[in-house]
Amino acid sequence: MTPLNSSTTDARQALKQGEWPLMPAPEFVQGPIHAPAIGLLELSVEVVMAKELLAFCPPEASLYTGRMAFSGETTIEGLSAVAKNVISAVALLPEAKWMHAIVYGCTSGTIVLGQERVAELIHQTRPNVPVVTPIGAVLKALRALGVAKIAVVTPYVPEINRLVAQTLDSAGIEIVNARTFGQRDAEDMFRTPAQAFLEAVLAADSPDAEGIFISCTGICVSPIIEELERRTGKPVVTSNQAIAWQCRKIAGTPETENDLGVLFQQRLVD
C-alpha cells in the first residue's frame, strides 16, 4: 500500500476543515422559480385544498403556504373570525419577488369578509403581489366563458348559500337551479367524495343553465370535471380550478393537453 505524501495529507485535512474548491459563480434564475408560484393562505384545518389546487396546475407550479387559525365552523361568525389571523399568515409567506399571486384559500370566507377587505389585509404585508380570491376568480371565469345563467352546487348551510346567491346576483349571474349538502363542519366537506358532487351537479343541472359552478376550496372535485362537461355539454367552474386558471394567466403559464375543463382555453379578461 502506497503511503500518503504530505500534499495528499494536506488536501485531506483541508477537506475535513471544509476548505473545498469553489465552483464558478452560477448565473441565478431571475424572478419566481416556479410557474405559477402561488402564496396560499390556508385555513388551519385545511387538508384538501393544496393538492386540489395543484391538480389544475402544471408540474412547474408550486405553493407556499401560511395558515390562518379557524374553528372549522363554516358559518358567518366562524368565517368572520379568521380576519384577525390574515396578516400574521401573510407574514409567513416568501417575499414578493418569489410569488406571482397570493390566494385567500376560502370561497365562503372571501364572500363573508368581502374581496376588498381581503386584499387590504394581504397588502398590508405584501403590497406588491396580486391577490386572487376564489369568488373573484370564479366571476372572472364565468365572464370569460360568457356564462350568465348557472346551476350551483355547494356544501354550505343556508346562511352561506344566501351570501353566495347575493354575490352572484350582484355580478349579473343568475342561479337557475342549485343543490347543497348543508354542511356546517369543514371536516364533513373534506370527507365528501367527488362522486357525491357529481350526483349533486346532475341533479342541479337544468336546460336553462349555461354553465355549472361548484363552490368551495375544501372539496375534491377535480376528478369529475371532464365527465361532467361531457355529460352536461356545459362548462364547469370550481373554486380551485378558477384560482389556478387566474394564477396561471398572471404567470403566463400556457395551456396543456392535461388541463381539466374548457375554462383553460379562455383568456383572462380584467
Protein backbone atom coordinates (compact mmCIF):
# COMPACT_ATOMS: atom_id res chain seq x y z
CA MET A 1 0.00 0.00 0.00
CA THR A 2 1.45 3.36 -1.09
CA PRO A 3 1.83 5.79 1.84
CA LEU A 4 0.16 9.21 1.64
CA ASN A 5 2.55 12.04 0.76
CA SER A 6 2.45 15.41 2.50
CA SER A 7 0.39 17.10 -0.24
CA THR A 8 -2.25 14.37 -0.08
CA THR A 9 -2.34 14.64 3.68
CA ASP A 10 -2.78 18.42 3.48
CA ALA A 11 -5.62 18.02 0.94
CA ARG A 12 -7.42 15.52 3.15
CA GLN A 13 -7.03 17.83 6.12
CA ALA A 14 -8.45 20.74 4.09
CA LEU A 15 -11.49 18.62 3.18
CA LYS A 16 -12.10 17.91 6.85
CA GLN A 17 -11.94 21.63 7.58
CA GLY A 18 -14.45 22.46 4.86
CA GLU A 19 -11.86 24.19 2.68
CA TRP A 20 -13.23 22.87 -0.60
CA PRO A 21 -12.52 24.15 -4.12
CA LEU A 22 -15.04 26.75 -5.28
CA MET A 23 -17.15 26.33 -8.40
CA PRO A 24 -17.59 29.34 -10.71
CA ALA A 25 -20.40 31.64 -9.58
CA PRO A 26 -23.68 30.43 -11.13
CA GLU A 27 -25.99 32.57 -13.24
CA PHE A 28 -29.01 32.96 -10.96
CA VAL A 29 -32.58 32.37 -12.08
CA GLN A 30 -34.39 35.69 -12.27
CA GLY A 31 -37.86 36.19 -10.80
CA PRO A 32 -40.05 33.42 -9.34
CA ILE A 33 -38.52 29.96 -9.70
CA HIS A 34 -41.88 28.22 -10.20
CA ALA A 35 -44.70 28.98 -12.62
CA PRO A 36 -47.13 29.79 -11.28
CA ALA A 37 -45.65 30.46 -7.85
CA ILE A 38 -48.65 30.80 -5.54
CA GLY A 39 -48.68 32.09 -1.99
CA LEU A 40 -51.61 30.24 -0.42
CA LEU A 41 -53.35 31.36 2.76
CA GLU A 42 -54.97 28.19 4.07
CA LEU A 43 -57.38 27.70 6.93
CA SER A 44 -55.69 25.89 9.80
CA VAL A 45 -57.98 22.86 9.48
CA GLU A 46 -57.50 22.54 5.69
CA VAL A 47 -56.31 19.18 4.32
CA VAL A 48 -57.69 19.18 0.75
CA MET A 49 -57.05 22.48 -0.99
CA ALA A 50 -53.33 22.35 -1.75
CA LYS A 51 -53.50 19.07 -3.62
CA GLU A 52 -56.74 20.02 -5.35
CA LEU A 53 -55.33 23.36 -6.47
CA LEU A 54 -52.19 21.72 -7.87
CA ALA A 55 -54.38 19.29 -9.84
CA PHE A 56 -55.17 22.27 -12.10
CA CYS A 57 -51.54 23.38 -12.45
CA PRO A 58 -48.56 22.13 -14.49
CA PRO A 59 -45.68 20.35 -12.71
CA GLU A 60 -43.69 23.59 -12.72
CA ALA A 61 -46.13 25.17 -10.25
CA SER A 62 -45.59 25.44 -6.51
CA LEU A 63 -47.49 26.56 -3.42
CA TYR A 64 -46.00 28.48 -0.49
CA THR A 65 -48.41 28.36 2.42
CA GLY A 66 -49.30 30.32 5.52
CA ARG A 67 -52.07 29.09 7.83
CA MET A 68 -54.88 31.06 9.46
CA ALA A 69 -56.48 29.83 12.69
CA PHE A 70 -60.07 28.69 12.03
CA SER A 71 -62.61 26.94 14.24
CA GLY A 72 -63.89 24.70 11.45
CA GLU A 73 -67.40 26.18 11.76
CA THR A 74 -68.39 27.27 8.26
CA THR A 75 -70.79 29.95 9.41
CA ILE A 76 -70.74 33.73 9.09
CA GLU A 77 -69.41 34.01 12.65
CA GLY A 78 -66.73 31.35 12.18
CA LEU A 79 -65.53 32.70 8.85
CA SER A 80 -65.52 36.30 10.03
CA ALA A 81 -63.23 35.42 12.93
CA VAL A 82 -60.47 34.40 10.51
CA ALA A 83 -59.86 38.03 9.54
CA LYS A 84 -57.73 38.70 12.61
CA ASN A 85 -55.29 35.97 11.54
CA VAL A 86 -54.70 37.05 7.95
CA ILE A 87 -51.84 39.50 8.47
CA SER A 88 -49.75 37.09 10.55
CA ALA A 89 -50.28 34.31 7.98
CA VAL A 90 -49.21 36.56 5.11
CA ALA A 91 -46.04 37.45 7.03
CA LEU A 92 -45.02 33.77 6.86
CA LEU A 93 -45.11 33.77 3.06
CA PRO A 94 -41.97 34.38 0.95
CA GLU A 95 -41.05 37.88 -0.16
CA ALA A 96 -42.96 39.37 -3.08
CA LYS A 97 -40.24 38.60 -5.65
CA TRP A 98 -40.88 34.86 -5.29
CA MET A 99 -44.64 34.89 -5.96
CA HIS A 100 -46.92 35.58 -8.90
CA ALA A 101 -50.01 35.87 -6.68
CA ILE A 102 -51.36 35.40 -3.15
CA VAL A 103 -54.55 33.36 -2.81
CA TYR A 104 -57.05 33.63 0.03
CA GLY A 105 -57.95 29.97 0.47
CA CYS A 106 -61.67 30.03 1.23
CA THR A 107 -64.57 30.81 -1.10
CA SER A 108 -67.21 31.39 1.56
CA GLY A 109 -64.68 33.24 3.72
CA THR A 110 -63.94 35.68 0.92
CA ILE A 111 -67.65 36.29 0.41
CA VAL A 112 -68.21 36.87 4.14
CA LEU A 113 -65.25 39.24 4.54
CA GLY A 114 -65.52 40.88 1.12
CA GLN A 115 -62.90 40.83 -1.60
CA GLU A 116 -61.73 44.38 -0.93
CA ARG A 117 -61.13 43.72 2.75
CA VAL A 118 -59.24 40.51 1.99
CA ALA A 119 -56.98 42.32 -0.47
CA GLU A 120 -56.46 45.19 2.00
CA LEU A 121 -55.37 42.81 4.78
CA ILE A 122 -52.96 40.93 2.49
CA HIS A 123 -51.46 44.10 1.03
CA GLN A 124 -50.58 45.41 4.48
CA THR A 125 -47.71 42.91 4.45
CA ARG A 126 -47.19 42.09 0.76
CA PRO A 127 -48.36 45.24 -1.04
CA ASN A 128 -46.91 44.44 -4.46
CA VAL A 129 -48.35 40.97 -5.07
CA PRO A 130 -51.63 40.42 -6.95
CA VAL A 131 -54.37 38.99 -4.72
CA VAL A 132 -56.56 36.20 -6.08
CA THR A 133 -59.76 35.29 -4.26
CA PRO A 134 -61.87 32.22 -5.04
CA ILE A 135 -65.09 34.11 -5.74
CA GLY A 136 -63.22 36.78 -7.70
CA ALA A 137 -61.58 34.10 -9.86
CA VAL A 138 -64.93 32.36 -10.35
CA LEU A 139 -66.60 35.56 -11.53
CA LYS A 140 -63.74 36.20 -13.95
CA ALA A 141 -64.03 32.61 -15.19
CA LEU A 142 -67.78 32.85 -15.79
CA ARG A 143 -67.28 36.14 -17.60
CA ALA A 144 -64.54 34.65 -19.79
CA LEU A 145 -66.83 31.73 -20.65
CA GLY A 146 -69.70 34.06 -21.48
CA VAL A 147 -71.92 32.32 -18.94
CA ALA A 148 -74.72 34.29 -17.25
CA LYS A 149 -77.12 31.54 -16.09
CA ILE A 150 -75.76 28.76 -13.92
CA ALA A 151 -76.55 25.74 -11.83
CA VAL A 152 -74.75 25.86 -8.48
CA VAL A 153 -73.66 23.14 -6.06
CA THR A 154 -72.22 23.91 -2.62
CA PRO A 155 -71.58 22.09 0.64
CA TYR A 156 -72.81 25.10 2.68
CA VAL A 157 -75.53 25.88 5.20
CA PRO A 158 -78.37 28.25 4.13
CA GLU A 159 -76.85 31.46 5.55
CA ILE A 160 -73.73 30.97 3.43
CA ASN A 161 -75.72 29.90 0.36
CA ARG A 162 -77.69 33.13 0.68
CA LEU A 163 -74.49 35.17 0.53
CA VAL A 164 -73.27 33.18 -2.46
CA ALA A 165 -76.55 33.91 -4.25
CA GLN A 166 -76.33 37.62 -3.43
CA THR A 167 -72.73 37.82 -4.67
CA LEU A 168 -73.54 36.11 -7.96
CA ASP A 169 -76.66 38.20 -8.45
CA SER A 170 -74.71 41.41 -7.87
CA ALA A 171 -72.33 40.32 -10.62
CA GLY A 172 -75.18 39.71 -13.06
CA ILE A 173 -75.08 35.92 -12.74
CA GLU A 174 -78.45 34.18 -12.40
CA ILE A 175 -78.77 30.93 -10.45
CA VAL A 176 -81.37 28.85 -12.28
CA ASN A 177 -81.08 25.82 -10.02
CA ALA A 178 -78.99 24.62 -7.08
CA ARG A 179 -78.18 21.81 -4.67
CA THR A 180 -76.34 21.81 -1.33
CA PHE A 181 -75.16 19.33 1.30
CA GLY A 182 -75.94 21.71 4.16
CA GLN A 183 -72.62 21.09 5.90
CA ARG A 184 -71.53 23.28 8.79
CA ASP A 185 -68.33 21.43 9.74
CA ALA A 186 -65.35 21.84 7.39
CA GLU A 187 -64.31 18.25 8.08
CA ASP A 188 -67.55 16.99 6.52
CA MET A 189 -66.66 18.91 3.37
CA PHE A 190 -63.19 17.37 3.23
CA ARG A 191 -64.66 13.88 3.53
CA THR A 192 -67.41 14.24 0.92
CA PRO A 193 -66.39 12.13 -2.12
CA ALA A 194 -66.21 13.54 -5.62
CA GLN A 195 -68.95 11.14 -6.75
CA ALA A 196 -71.41 12.83 -4.38
CA PHE A 197 -70.71 16.18 -6.02
CA LEU A 198 -71.12 14.63 -9.46
CA GLU A 199 -74.58 13.42 -8.49
CA ALA A 200 -75.43 16.81 -7.00
CA VAL A 201 -74.41 18.60 -10.20
CA LEU A 202 -76.50 16.29 -12.36
CA ALA A 203 -79.46 16.93 -10.04
CA ALA A 204 -78.94 20.70 -10.18
CA ASP A 205 -78.41 20.96 -13.92
CA SER A 206 -81.32 22.27 -15.96
CA PRO A 207 -81.97 23.22 -19.59
CA ASP A 208 -81.75 26.91 -18.66
CA ALA A 209 -78.26 26.60 -17.18
CA GLU A 210 -75.43 27.72 -19.46
CA GLY A 211 -72.76 26.51 -17.08
CA ILE A 212 -72.11 24.92 -13.69
CA PHE A 213 -70.39 26.30 -10.60
CA ILE A 214 -69.18 24.05 -7.75
CA SER A 215 -68.25 26.26 -4.81
CA CYS A 216 -65.71 25.62 -2.01
CA THR A 217 -61.93 25.27 -1.93
CA GLY A 218 -62.05 22.50 0.68
CA ILE A 219 -63.61 19.80 -1.54
CA CYS A 220 -62.17 17.33 -4.01
CA VAL A 221 -63.92 17.65 -7.39
CA SER A 222 -61.07 17.70 -9.91
CA PRO A 223 -61.64 14.02 -10.84
CA ILE A 224 -65.19 14.68 -12.08
CA ILE A 225 -64.84 17.82 -14.21
CA GLU A 226 -64.21 16.11 -17.54
CA GLU A 227 -67.07 13.68 -17.01
CA LEU A 228 -69.45 16.45 -16.00
CA GLU A 229 -68.59 18.57 -19.02
CA ARG A 230 -69.07 15.55 -21.26
CA ARG A 231 -72.39 14.53 -19.72
CA THR A 232 -73.89 18.01 -19.47
CA GLY A 233 -72.30 19.60 -22.51
CA LYS A 234 -71.62 22.69 -20.38
CA PRO A 235 -68.52 24.32 -18.89
CA VAL A 236 -67.83 23.51 -15.26
CA VAL A 237 -66.16 26.04 -12.96
CA THR A 238 -64.91 25.14 -9.49
CA SER A 239 -63.29 27.38 -6.89
CA ASN A 240 -59.83 25.81 -7.07
CA GLN A 241 -59.96 25.45 -10.85
CA ALA A 242 -60.77 29.15 -11.27
CA ILE A 243 -57.99 30.12 -8.85
CA ALA A 244 -55.44 28.05 -10.76
CA TRP A 245 -56.67 29.48 -14.08
CA GLN A 246 -56.26 33.08 -12.90
CA CYS A 247 -52.86 32.42 -11.30
CA ARG A 248 -51.65 30.70 -14.46
CA LYS A 249 -52.79 33.64 -16.58
CA ILE A 250 -50.96 36.06 -14.28
CA ALA A 251 -47.80 33.95 -14.52
CA GLY A 252 -48.12 33.46 -18.29
CA THR A 253 -48.26 29.68 -17.94
CA PRO A 254 -49.54 28.13 -21.20
CA GLU A 255 -52.40 25.66 -21.54
CA THR A 256 -51.59 21.94 -21.70
CA GLU A 257 -53.41 18.89 -23.04
CA ASN A 258 -53.96 17.71 -19.45
CA ASP A 259 -55.93 20.74 -18.30
CA LEU A 260 -59.18 19.91 -16.55
CA GLY A 261 -62.04 21.85 -18.13
CA VAL A 262 -62.71 24.13 -21.09
CA LEU A 263 -62.03 27.12 -18.84
CA PHE A 264 -58.29 26.84 -19.51
CA GLN A 265 -58.88 27.64 -23.17
CA GLN A 266 -60.29 31.05 -22.22
CA ARG A 267 -58.47 34.36 -21.97
CA LEU A 268 -58.43 36.22 -18.66
CA VAL A 269 -60.41 39.45 -19.02
CA ASP A 270 -59.99 42.01 -16.23
